[in-house]
C-alpha cells in the first residue's frame, strides 16, 4: 500500500479508463466485475472523491477522475521502473551509470553509443556531465562518475585503468586575416611568441602544467565553443581538434599553420581514454558501453 491506496487499485482505475467499462476492465484483468466495482468504490471512499459518473449506460470519468487517471499512470510507470531497476541490479547491472566527458572528446560516436546503451538497458538511469579540461578525471576520483572519457596528461595514473579509444590530431590554426596567416611561410617559435595563443585550460588548476604552449601570451578558455568564437574573430591562434575545424578549413574561415620544429607534433595524436578507477570496476552496463565504443571507434 502507498499512503491510502494500492498499486492494484490504480491499475484497476487505469484499465477502466482504457477499456471503457467496469466489465471490460474485469475481462482484461481476469476478475469479476464485482471485484472491479469494489476496488473503485474503496479507492473513492478512501480518497474522498468521485472518480466516475455512473448515471449513464457506461461510467464516465469525472473531472477529478481524469486528472487522477493521469497521475495513476505516472505512479504505475514509476513502480515498473522501480521493479526493473531492482531486477537489473540483481543481474549485476548498475543501479545508475554516471559518465563524465572532457571537452576534447568527439561527441558523434559517443552519442550513437548512448543511444545503443539505452536500447540495450532501457531501465538503466544514466547521468551525464560535460566537464572542463581535467574535470572528468576529478569526478572519477570523487566517485561522482563511474566512467570518464578524457585525456590523461602527462600519463595514465597508476590508480586508473584507461582504455585507449582513439587519437585526435590537434592542428594549429588561425583566422586568414590574422598576421600569422599573412606571413605565408612556415613559422618559427619566435614568430608565435608575440601573438596571443588561445589555450584550453583546466578551470580548477589554471596555473597547472601547460602542454603545447609557445610563448607567454596565453588567453585561457574552459570550453571549446567560446575559444572557437575568439579564434574565428582573429583574436589569436590555437591548436584545435581536426574534426572540429574541418568545415572551417574547407570554407576558408580558418587556415592551418605550419610550425617548424613544433614540439607538439613529436608526441603524435592526443589520446582519448575510457577510464575508471582501478578499485571500482564498471558493472555490466558500463562494461557494455566500453565494448560498444571500442567497436564503434575501432
C-alpha atoms as a PDB file:
ATOM      1  CA  UNK A   1       0.000   0.000   0.000  1.00  0.00           C
ATOM      2  CA  UNK A   2       1.169   3.546  -0.803  1.00  0.00           C
ATOM      3  CA  UNK A   3      -0.446   6.010   1.579  1.00  0.00           C
ATOM      4  CA  UNK A   4      -4.193   5.388   1.296  1.00  0.00           C
ATOM      5  CA  UNK A   5      -4.221   3.461  -1.968  1.00  0.00           C
ATOM      6  CA  UNK A   6      -2.644   0.395  -3.566  1.00  0.00           C
ATOM      7  CA  UNK A   7      -0.979  -0.098  -6.924  1.00  0.00           C
ATOM      8  CA  UNK A   8      -3.676  -2.643  -7.721  1.00  0.00           C
ATOM      9  CA  UNK A   9      -6.396  -0.028  -7.256  1.00  0.00           C
ATOM     10  CA  UNK A  10      -4.549   2.329  -9.595  1.00  0.00           C
ATOM     11  CA  UNK A  11      -4.177  -0.476 -12.115  1.00  0.00           C
ATOM     12  CA  UNK A  12      -7.931  -1.116 -11.982  1.00  0.00           C
ATOM     13  CA  UNK A  13      -8.632   2.611 -12.415  1.00  0.00           C
ATOM     14  CA  UNK A  14      -6.402   2.992 -15.488  1.00  0.00           C
ATOM     15  CA  UNK A  15      -7.722  -0.218 -17.046  1.00  0.00           C
ATOM     16  CA  UNK A  16     -11.320   1.014 -16.766  1.00  0.00           C
ATOM     17  CA  UNK A  17     -10.285   4.278 -18.423  1.00  0.00           C
ATOM     18  CA  UNK A  18      -8.557   2.379 -21.224  1.00  0.00           C
ATOM     19  CA  UNK A  19     -11.277  -0.254 -21.836  1.00  0.00           C
ATOM     20  CA  UNK A  20     -14.304   1.968 -21.298  1.00  0.00           C
ATOM     21  CA  UNK A  21     -16.277  -0.068 -18.757  1.00  0.00           C
ATOM     22  CA  UNK A  22     -16.068  -1.981 -15.498  1.00  0.00           C
ATOM     23  CA  UNK A  23     -16.956  -5.268 -17.212  1.00  0.00           C
ATOM     24  CA  UNK A  24     -14.318  -4.808 -19.925  1.00  0.00           C
ATOM     25  CA  UNK A  25     -11.730  -3.979 -17.265  1.00  0.00           C
ATOM     26  CA  UNK A  26     -12.705  -7.164 -15.421  1.00  0.00           C
ATOM     27  CA  UNK A  27     -12.171  -9.237 -18.571  1.00  0.00           C
ATOM     28  CA  UNK A  28      -8.824  -7.552 -19.212  1.00  0.00           C
ATOM     29  CA  UNK A  29      -7.617  -8.178 -15.663  1.00  0.00           C
ATOM     30  CA  UNK A  30      -9.217 -11.609 -15.320  1.00  0.00           C
ATOM     31  CA  UNK A  31     -11.528 -10.563 -12.466  1.00  0.00           C
ATOM     32  CA  UNK A  32     -15.224 -10.456 -11.745  1.00  0.00           C
ATOM     33  CA  UNK A  33     -16.986  -7.164 -12.400  1.00  0.00           C
ATOM     34  CA  UNK A  34     -17.978  -7.030  -8.736  1.00  0.00           C
ATOM     35  CA  UNK A  35     -14.294  -7.071  -7.729  1.00  0.00           C
ATOM     36  CA  UNK A  36     -13.591  -4.190 -10.118  1.00  0.00           C
ATOM     37  CA  UNK A  37     -16.514  -2.186  -8.730  1.00  0.00           C
ATOM     38  CA  UNK A  38     -15.389  -2.836  -5.151  1.00  0.00           C
ATOM     39  CA  UNK A  39     -11.803  -1.701  -5.912  1.00  0.00           C
ATOM     40  CA  UNK A  40     -13.073   1.581  -7.373  1.00  0.00           C
ATOM     41  CA  UNK A  41     -15.560   2.152  -4.562  1.00  0.00           C
ATOM     42  CA  UNK A  42     -12.840   1.596  -1.954  1.00  0.00           C
ATOM     43  CA  UNK A  43     -10.481   3.996  -3.745  1.00  0.00           C
ATOM     44  CA  UNK A  44     -13.223   6.652  -3.965  1.00  0.00           C
ATOM     45  CA  UNK A  45     -14.165   6.205  -0.327  1.00  0.00           C
ATOM     46  CA  UNK A  46     -10.611   6.402   0.990  1.00  0.00           C
ATOM     47  CA  UNK A  47      -9.679   9.390  -1.167  1.00  0.00           C
ATOM     48  CA  UNK A  48     -12.999  11.189  -0.657  1.00  0.00           C
ATOM     49  CA  UNK A  49     -13.587  11.801  -4.377  1.00  0.00           C
ATOM     50  CA  UNK A  50     -15.934  10.553  -7.100  1.00  0.00           C
ATOM     51  CA  UNK A  51     -13.920   9.082  -9.953  1.00  0.00           C
ATOM     52  CA  UNK A  52     -16.771   8.020 -12.243  1.00  0.00           C
ATOM     53  CA  UNK A  53     -20.202   9.405 -13.130  1.00  0.00           C
ATOM     54  CA  UNK A  54     -22.361   6.278 -13.111  1.00  0.00           C
ATOM     55  CA  UNK A  55     -25.641   7.930 -14.132  1.00  0.00           C
ATOM     56  CA  UNK A  56     -25.445   6.772 -17.763  1.00  0.00           C
ATOM     57  CA  UNK A  57     -25.137   3.432 -19.523  1.00  0.00           C
ATOM     58  CA  UNK A  58     -21.357   3.475 -19.174  1.00  0.00           C
ATOM     59  CA  UNK A  59     -19.262   5.003 -16.388  1.00  0.00           C
ATOM     60  CA  UNK A  60     -17.704   8.320 -17.384  1.00  0.00           C
ATOM     61  CA  UNK A  61     -14.667   9.804 -15.684  1.00  0.00           C
ATOM     62  CA  UNK A  62     -15.332  12.935 -13.688  1.00  0.00           C
ATOM     63  CA  UNK A  63     -13.035  15.931 -13.985  1.00  0.00           C
ATOM     64  CA  UNK A  64     -11.032  14.819 -10.950  1.00  0.00           C
ATOM     65  CA  UNK A  65     -11.153  11.261 -12.275  1.00  0.00           C
ATOM     66  CA  UNK A  66      -9.424  12.285 -15.499  1.00  0.00           C
ATOM     67  CA  UNK A  67      -6.676  14.085 -13.563  1.00  0.00           C
ATOM     68  CA  UNK A  68      -6.159  11.160 -11.198  1.00  0.00           C
ATOM     69  CA  UNK A  69      -6.037   8.617 -14.047  1.00  0.00           C
ATOM     70  CA  UNK A  70      -3.099  10.562 -15.497  1.00  0.00           C
ATOM     71  CA  UNK A  71      -1.433  10.574 -12.068  1.00  0.00           C
ATOM     72  CA  UNK A  72      -2.137   6.856 -11.664  1.00  0.00           C
ATOM     73  CA  UNK A  73      -0.409   6.100 -14.965  1.00  0.00           C
ATOM     74  CA  UNK A  74       2.629   8.058 -13.809  1.00  0.00           C
ATOM     75  CA  UNK A  75       2.749   6.200 -10.476  1.00  0.00           C
ATOM     76  CA  UNK A  76       2.412   2.814 -12.188  1.00  0.00           C
ATOM     77  CA  UNK A  77       5.179   3.682 -14.652  1.00  0.00           C
ATOM     78  CA  UNK A  78       7.455   4.699 -11.764  1.00  0.00           C
ATOM     79  CA  UNK A  79       6.656   1.470  -9.952  1.00  0.00           C
ATOM     80  CA  UNK A  80       7.500  -0.523 -13.080  1.00  0.00           C
ATOM     81  CA  UNK A  81      10.841   1.277 -13.342  1.00  0.00           C
ATOM     82  CA  UNK A  82      11.441   0.573  -9.640  1.00  0.00           C
ATOM     83  CA  UNK A  83      10.904  -3.149 -10.212  1.00  0.00           C
ATOM     84  CA  UNK A  84      13.029  -3.143 -13.375  1.00  0.00           C
ATOM     85  CA  UNK A  85      15.977  -1.388 -11.708  1.00  0.00           C
ATOM     86  CA  UNK A  86      15.851  -3.774  -8.753  1.00  0.00           C
ATOM     87  CA  UNK A  87      15.734  -6.776 -11.104  1.00  0.00           C
ATOM     88  CA  UNK A  88      18.608  -5.386 -13.166  1.00  0.00           C
ATOM     89  CA  UNK A  89      20.707  -4.860 -10.042  1.00  0.00           C
ATOM     90  CA  UNK A  90      20.178  -8.489  -9.074  1.00  0.00           C
ATOM     91  CA  UNK A  91      21.602  -9.381 -12.503  1.00  0.00           C
ATOM     92  CA  UNK A  92      24.769  -7.336 -11.949  1.00  0.00           C
ATOM     93  CA  UNK A  93      23.663  -4.173 -13.748  1.00  0.00           C
ATOM     94  CA  UNK A  94      24.473  -0.888 -12.050  1.00  0.00           C
ATOM     95  CA  UNK A  95      21.689   0.894 -10.188  1.00  0.00           C
ATOM     96  CA  UNK A  96      22.891   4.014 -12.028  1.00  0.00           C
ATOM     97  CA  UNK A  97      25.654   4.719 -14.539  1.00  0.00           C
ATOM     98  CA  UNK A  98      27.327   8.111 -14.120  1.00  0.00           C
ATOM     99  CA  UNK A  99      29.501   9.266 -17.021  1.00  0.00           C
ATOM    100  CA  UNK A 100      31.758  12.327 -17.347  1.00  0.00           C
ATOM    101  CA  UNK A 101      33.348  13.590 -20.556  1.00  0.00           C
ATOM    102  CA  UNK A 102      36.126  16.080 -21.333  1.00  0.00           C
ATOM    103  CA  UNK A 103      35.604  18.837 -23.938  1.00  0.00           C
ATOM    104  CA  UNK A 104      38.092  17.400 -26.445  1.00  0.00           C
ATOM    105  CA  UNK A 105      36.221  14.104 -26.793  1.00  0.00           C
ATOM    106  CA  UNK A 106      34.389  13.819 -30.156  1.00  0.00           C
ATOM    107  CA  UNK A 107      30.680  13.579 -29.447  1.00  0.00           C
ATOM    108  CA  UNK A 108      29.161  11.938 -32.541  1.00  0.00           C
ATOM    109  CA  UNK A 109      30.272   8.364 -31.836  1.00  0.00           C
ATOM    110  CA  UNK A 110      29.611   8.833 -28.129  1.00  0.00           C
ATOM    111  CA  UNK A 111      26.016   9.930 -28.791  1.00  0.00           C
ATOM    112  CA  UNK A 112      25.444   6.884 -31.014  1.00  0.00           C
ATOM    113  CA  UNK A 113      26.764   4.618 -28.255  1.00  0.00           C
ATOM    114  CA  UNK A 114      24.480   6.233 -25.674  1.00  0.00           C
ATOM    115  CA  UNK A 115      21.502   5.540 -27.943  1.00  0.00           C
ATOM    116  CA  UNK A 116      22.639   1.924 -28.177  1.00  0.00           C
ATOM    117  CA  UNK A 117      23.067   1.765 -24.384  1.00  0.00           C
ATOM    118  CA  UNK A 118      19.504   2.988 -23.878  1.00  0.00           C
ATOM    119  CA  UNK A 119      18.201   0.299 -26.233  1.00  0.00           C
ATOM    120  CA  UNK A 120      20.213  -2.434 -24.508  1.00  0.00           C
ATOM    121  CA  UNK A 121      19.424  -1.290 -20.935  1.00  0.00           C
ATOM    122  CA  UNK A 122      16.124   0.618 -21.192  1.00  0.00           C
ATOM    123  CA  UNK A 123      15.607   0.955 -17.424  1.00  0.00           C
ATOM    124  CA  UNK A 124      19.159   1.986 -16.534  1.00  0.00           C
ATOM    125  CA  UNK A 125      19.309   5.522 -15.098  1.00  0.00           C
ATOM    126  CA  UNK A 126      22.221   7.320 -16.772  1.00  0.00           C
ATOM    127  CA  UNK A 127      23.629  10.615 -15.537  1.00  0.00           C
ATOM    128  CA  UNK A 128      25.932  12.559 -17.815  1.00  0.00           C
ATOM    129  CA  UNK A 129      28.114  15.612 -17.328  1.00  0.00           C
ATOM    130  CA  UNK A 130      30.439  17.519 -19.594  1.00  0.00           C
ATOM    131  CA  UNK A 131      33.435  18.998 -17.856  1.00  0.00           C
ATOM    132  CA  UNK A 132      36.242  21.459 -18.414  1.00  0.00           C
ATOM    133  CA  UNK A 133      39.657  20.030 -19.133  1.00  0.00           C
ATOM    134  CA  UNK A 134      40.588  17.667 -16.276  1.00  0.00           C
ATOM    135  CA  UNK A 135      37.087  17.744 -14.813  1.00  0.00           C
ATOM    136  CA  UNK A 136      36.108  14.238 -15.904  1.00  0.00           C
ATOM    137  CA  UNK A 137      39.101  12.734 -14.106  1.00  0.00           C
ATOM    138  CA  UNK A 138      38.252  14.690 -10.956  1.00  0.00           C
ATOM    139  CA  UNK A 139      34.659  13.411 -10.981  1.00  0.00           C
ATOM    140  CA  UNK A 140      36.029   9.896 -11.384  1.00  0.00           C
ATOM    141  CA  UNK A 141      38.280  10.290  -8.348  1.00  0.00           C
ATOM    142  CA  UNK A 142      35.499  11.794  -6.212  1.00  0.00           C
ATOM    143  CA  UNK A 143      33.252   8.868  -7.030  1.00  0.00           C
ATOM    144  CA  UNK A 144      30.753  11.098  -8.859  1.00  0.00           C
ATOM    145  CA  UNK A 145      31.315   9.187 -12.117  1.00  0.00           C
ATOM    146  CA  UNK A 146      31.860   5.504 -12.812  1.00  0.00           C
ATOM    147  CA  UNK A 147      33.352   6.157 -16.255  1.00  0.00           C
ATOM    148  CA  UNK A 148      35.295   9.101 -17.641  1.00  0.00           C
ATOM    149  CA  UNK A 149      36.054   9.745 -21.285  1.00  0.00           C
ATOM    150  CA  UNK A 150      39.009  12.063 -21.204  1.00  0.00           C
ATOM    151  CA  UNK A 151      42.626  12.845 -21.924  1.00  0.00           C
ATOM    152  CA  UNK A 152      45.151  11.900 -19.240  1.00  0.00           C
ATOM    153  CA  UNK A 153      48.235  14.108 -19.185  1.00  0.00           C
ATOM    154  CA  UNK A 154      51.152  13.725 -18.869  1.00  0.00           C
ATOM    155  CA  UNK A 155      50.500   9.973 -18.451  1.00  0.00           C
ATOM    156  CA  UNK A 156      47.926   7.480 -17.160  1.00  0.00           C
ATOM    157  CA  UNK A 157      47.941   7.486 -13.312  1.00  0.00           C
ATOM    158  CA  UNK A 158      48.642   4.173 -11.595  1.00  0.00           C
ATOM    159  CA  UNK A 159      45.274   4.084  -9.815  1.00  0.00           C
ATOM    160  CA  UNK A 160      43.275   4.467 -13.034  1.00  0.00           C
ATOM    161  CA  UNK A 161      42.504   1.815 -15.643  1.00  0.00           C
ATOM    162  CA  UNK A 162      42.465   3.548 -19.022  1.00  0.00           C
ATOM    163  CA  UNK A 163      41.343   2.011 -22.287  1.00  0.00           C
ATOM    164  CA  UNK A 164      42.684   3.888 -25.352  1.00  0.00           C
ATOM    165  CA  UNK A 165      39.751   4.763 -27.602  1.00  0.00           C
ATOM    166  CA  UNK A 166      41.101   6.993 -30.340  1.00  0.00           C
ATOM    167  CA  UNK A 167      43.748   9.570 -31.101  1.00  0.00           C
ATOM    168  CA  UNK A 168      42.788  13.055 -32.214  1.00  0.00           C
ATOM    169  CA  UNK A 169      45.053  15.350 -34.198  1.00  0.00           C
ATOM    170  CA  UNK A 170      45.418  18.902 -32.920  1.00  0.00           C
ATOM    171  CA  UNK A 171      46.009  21.266 -35.816  1.00  0.00           C
ATOM    172  CA  UNK A 172      47.460  24.770 -35.295  1.00  0.00           C
ATOM    173  CA  UNK A 173      45.059  27.188 -36.972  1.00  0.00           C
ATOM    174  CA  UNK A 174      44.297  30.881 -37.241  1.00  0.00           C
ATOM    175  CA  UNK A 175      41.889  33.235 -38.957  1.00  0.00           C
ATOM    176  CA  UNK A 176      43.004  34.123 -42.523  1.00  0.00           C
ATOM    177  CA  UNK A 177      43.044  37.816 -41.539  1.00  0.00           C
ATOM    178  CA  UNK A 178      45.425  37.202 -38.610  1.00  0.00           C
ATOM    179  CA  UNK A 179      49.028  38.469 -39.034  1.00  0.00           C
ATOM    180  CA  UNK A 180      50.382  34.917 -38.704  1.00  0.00           C
ATOM    181  CA  UNK A 181      48.364  33.781 -41.720  1.00  0.00           C
ATOM    182  CA  UNK A 182      49.664  36.693 -43.760  1.00  0.00           C
ATOM    183  CA  UNK A 183      53.288  35.566 -43.311  1.00  0.00           C
ATOM    184  CA  UNK A 184      52.521  32.723 -45.743  1.00  0.00           C
ATOM    185  CA  UNK A 185      55.511  30.607 -44.687  1.00  0.00           C
ATOM    186  CA  UNK A 186      56.485  28.017 -42.039  1.00  0.00           C
ATOM    187  CA  UNK A 187      56.611  29.674 -38.641  1.00  0.00           C
ATOM    188  CA  UNK A 188      59.371  29.628 -36.070  1.00  0.00           C
ATOM    189  CA  UNK A 189      58.752  29.790 -32.331  1.00  0.00           C
ATOM    190  CA  UNK A 190      59.811  33.438 -32.401  1.00  0.00           C
ATOM    191  CA  UNK A 191      57.007  34.250 -34.857  1.00  0.00           C
ATOM    192  CA  UNK A 192      54.427  32.809 -32.459  1.00  0.00           C
ATOM    193  CA  UNK A 193      55.700  34.240 -29.186  1.00  0.00           C
ATOM    194  CA  UNK A 194      54.478  37.763 -29.889  1.00  0.00           C
ATOM    195  CA  UNK A 195      50.929  36.638 -30.653  1.00  0.00           C
ATOM    196  CA  UNK A 196      48.128  35.514 -28.332  1.00  0.00           C
ATOM    197  CA  UNK A 197      47.645  31.756 -28.052  1.00  0.00           C
ATOM    198  CA  UNK A 198      44.106  30.649 -27.181  1.00  0.00           C
ATOM    199  CA  UNK A 199      44.545  27.833 -24.678  1.00  0.00           C
ATOM    200  CA  UNK A 200      42.057  25.281 -23.379  1.00  0.00           C
ATOM    201  CA  UNK A 201      42.589  25.287 -19.625  1.00  0.00           C
ATOM    202  CA  UNK A 202      41.609  23.329 -16.545  1.00  0.00           C
ATOM    203  CA  UNK A 203      39.364  25.725 -14.563  1.00  0.00           C
ATOM    204  CA  UNK A 204      40.296  24.057 -11.273  1.00  0.00           C
ATOM    205  CA  UNK A 205      44.022  24.407 -11.910  1.00  0.00           C
ATOM    206  CA  UNK A 206      44.597  27.403 -14.186  1.00  0.00           C
ATOM    207  CA  UNK A 207      48.251  27.588 -13.169  1.00  0.00           C
ATOM    208  CA  UNK A 208      48.819  23.845 -13.575  1.00  0.00           C
ATOM    209  CA  UNK A 209      51.016  22.182 -16.219  1.00  0.00           C
ATOM    210  CA  UNK A 210      50.658  23.573 -19.718  1.00  0.00           C
ATOM    211  CA  UNK A 211      51.123  21.466 -22.816  1.00  0.00           C
ATOM    212  CA  UNK A 212      51.832  22.797 -26.292  1.00  0.00           C
ATOM    213  CA  UNK A 213      52.024  26.430 -25.216  1.00  0.00           C
ATOM    214  CA  UNK A 214      54.544  28.584 -27.067  1.00  0.00           C
ATOM    215  CA  UNK A 215      55.406  31.936 -25.530  1.00  0.00           C
ATOM    216  CA  UNK A 216      53.790  33.745 -22.622  1.00  0.00           C
ATOM    217  CA  UNK A 217      50.752  35.440 -24.177  1.00  0.00           C
ATOM    218  CA  UNK A 218      48.052  32.871 -23.426  1.00  0.00           C
ATOM    219  CA  UNK A 219      44.332  33.522 -23.103  1.00  0.00           C
ATOM    220  CA  UNK A 220      42.689  30.636 -21.261  1.00  0.00           C
ATOM    221  CA  UNK A 221      39.286  29.095 -22.015  1.00  0.00           C
ATOM    222  CA  UNK A 222      37.191  26.433 -20.311  1.00  0.00           C
ATOM    223  CA  UNK A 223      35.022  25.420 -23.280  1.00  0.00           C
ATOM    224  CA  UNK A 224      35.810  24.838 -26.932  1.00  0.00           C
ATOM    225  CA  UNK A 225      32.862  26.785 -28.321  1.00  0.00           C
ATOM    226  CA  UNK A 226      33.904  30.106 -26.795  1.00  0.00           C
ATOM    227  CA  UNK A 227      37.515  29.550 -27.836  1.00  0.00           C
ATOM    228  CA  UNK A 228      36.297  28.879 -31.374  1.00  0.00           C
ATOM    229  CA  UNK A 229      34.461  32.221 -31.357  1.00  0.00           C
ATOM    230  CA  UNK A 230      37.667  34.067 -30.452  1.00  0.00           C
ATOM    231  CA  UNK A 231      39.655  32.064 -32.992  1.00  0.00           C
ATOM    232  CA  UNK A 232      37.261  32.878 -35.851  1.00  0.00           C
ATOM    233  CA  UNK A 233      37.302  36.526 -34.786  1.00  0.00           C
ATOM    234  CA  UNK A 234      41.078  36.668 -35.343  1.00  0.00           C
ATOM    235  CA  UNK A 235      41.984  37.301 -31.709  1.00  0.00           C
ATOM    236  CA  UNK A 236      44.662  34.621 -31.548  1.00  0.00           C
ATOM    237  CA  UNK A 237      45.857  31.225 -32.746  1.00  0.00           C
ATOM    238  CA  UNK A 238      45.465  27.783 -31.207  1.00  0.00           C
ATOM    239  CA  UNK A 239      45.548  24.042 -31.724  1.00  0.00           C
ATOM    240  CA  UNK A 240      42.117  22.592 -32.441  1.00  0.00           C
ATOM    241  CA  UNK A 241      40.842  19.027 -32.949  1.00  0.00           C
ATOM    242  CA  UNK A 242      40.866  18.281 -36.655  1.00  0.00           C
ATOM    243  CA  UNK A 243      37.275  17.020 -36.698  1.00  0.00           C
ATOM    244  CA  UNK A 244      36.007  20.361 -35.341  1.00  0.00           C
ATOM    245  CA  UNK A 245      37.850  22.667 -37.710  1.00  0.00           C
ATOM    246  CA  UNK A 246      37.475  20.679 -40.950  1.00  0.00           C
ATOM    247  CA  UNK A 247      34.383  22.660 -42.093  1.00  0.00           C
ATOM    248  CA  UNK A 248      36.083  25.987 -41.316  1.00  0.00           C
ATOM    249  CA  UNK A 249      39.225  24.980 -43.195  1.00  0.00           C
ATOM    250  CA  UNK A 250      37.086  23.942 -46.163  1.00  0.00           C
ATOM    251  CA  UNK A 251      35.188  27.243 -46.341  1.00  0.00           C
ATOM    252  CA  UNK A 252      38.268  29.394 -45.727  1.00  0.00           C
ATOM    253  CA  UNK A 253      37.263  30.757 -42.321  1.00  0.00           C
ATOM    254  CA  UNK A 254      40.422  29.205 -40.843  1.00  0.00           C
ATOM    255  CA  UNK A 255      43.847  28.348 -42.242  1.00  0.00           C
ATOM    256  CA  UNK A 256      46.298  25.772 -40.932  1.00  0.00           C
ATOM    257  CA  UNK A 257      49.708  26.897 -39.708  1.00  0.00           C
ATOM    258  CA  UNK A 258      52.976  25.065 -40.272  1.00  0.00           C
ATOM    259  CA  UNK A 259      55.274  25.338 -37.248  1.00  0.00           C
ATOM    260  CA  UNK A 260      58.956  24.481 -37.628  1.00  0.00           C
ATOM    261  CA  UNK A 261      60.238  22.017 -35.023  1.00  0.00           C
ATOM    262  CA  UNK A 262      56.845  22.008 -33.331  1.00  0.00           C
ATOM    263  CA  UNK A 263      57.286  20.137 -30.023  1.00  0.00           C
ATOM    264  CA  UNK A 264      53.596  19.126 -30.073  1.00  0.00           C
ATOM    265  CA  UNK A 265      53.989  17.228 -33.346  1.00  0.00           C
ATOM    266  CA  UNK A 266      56.600  14.938 -31.794  1.00  0.00           C
ATOM    267  CA  UNK A 267      54.075  13.465 -29.357  1.00  0.00           C
ATOM    268  CA  UNK A 268      51.632  12.405 -32.086  1.00  0.00           C
ATOM    269  CA  UNK A 269      47.837  12.412 -31.773  1.00  0.00           C
ATOM    270  CA  UNK A 270      46.273  13.205 -28.413  1.00  0.00           C
ATOM    271  CA  UNK A 271      44.833  10.013 -26.948  1.00  0.00           C
ATOM    272  CA  UNK A 272      41.256   9.851 -25.670  1.00  0.00           C
ATOM    273  CA  UNK A 273      40.749   7.226 -22.968  1.00  0.00           C
ATOM    274  CA  UNK A 274      37.795   5.479 -21.398  1.00  0.00           C
ATOM    275  CA  UNK A 275      38.812   5.403 -17.747  1.00  0.00           C
ATOM    276  CA  UNK A 276      37.646   4.042 -14.424  1.00  0.00           C
ATOM    277  CA  UNK A 277      39.250   3.782 -11.014  1.00  0.00           C
ATOM    278  CA  UNK A 278      41.266   0.600 -10.573  1.00  0.00           C
ATOM    279  CA  UNK A 279      39.388  -0.243  -7.362  1.00  0.00           C
ATOM    280  CA  UNK A 280      35.941   0.454  -8.889  1.00  0.00           C
ATOM    281  CA  UNK A 281      35.395  -1.716 -11.951  1.00  0.00           C
ATOM    282  CA  UNK A 282      32.289  -0.914 -14.026  1.00  0.00           C
ATOM    283  CA  UNK A 283      29.222  -3.145 -13.844  1.00  0.00           C
ATOM    284  CA  UNK A 284      27.580  -4.913 -16.750  1.00  0.00           C
ATOM    285  CA  UNK A 285      26.192  -1.774 -18.367  1.00  0.00           C
ATOM    286  CA  UNK A 286      29.449   0.165 -18.032  1.00  0.00           C
ATOM    287  CA  UNK A 287      31.441  -2.740 -19.463  1.00  0.00           C
ATOM    288  CA  UNK A 288      28.896  -2.998 -22.304  1.00  0.00           C
ATOM    289  CA  UNK A 289      29.307   0.707 -23.091  1.00  0.00           C
ATOM    290  CA  UNK A 290      33.101   0.368 -23.174  1.00  0.00           C
ATOM    291  CA  UNK A 291      32.890  -2.539 -25.627  1.00  0.00           C
ATOM    292  CA  UNK A 292      30.354  -0.676 -27.750  1.00  0.00           C
ATOM    293  CA  UNK A 293      32.591   2.395 -28.001  1.00  0.00           C
ATOM    294  CA  UNK A 294      35.635   0.301 -28.828  1.00  0.00           C
ATOM    295  CA  UNK A 295      33.768  -1.400 -31.637  1.00  0.00           C
ATOM    296  CA  UNK A 296      32.346   1.874 -32.944  1.00  0.00           C
ATOM    297  CA  UNK A 297      35.666   3.734 -32.856  1.00  0.00           C
ATOM    298  CA  UNK A 298      37.928   0.829 -33.730  1.00  0.00           C
END
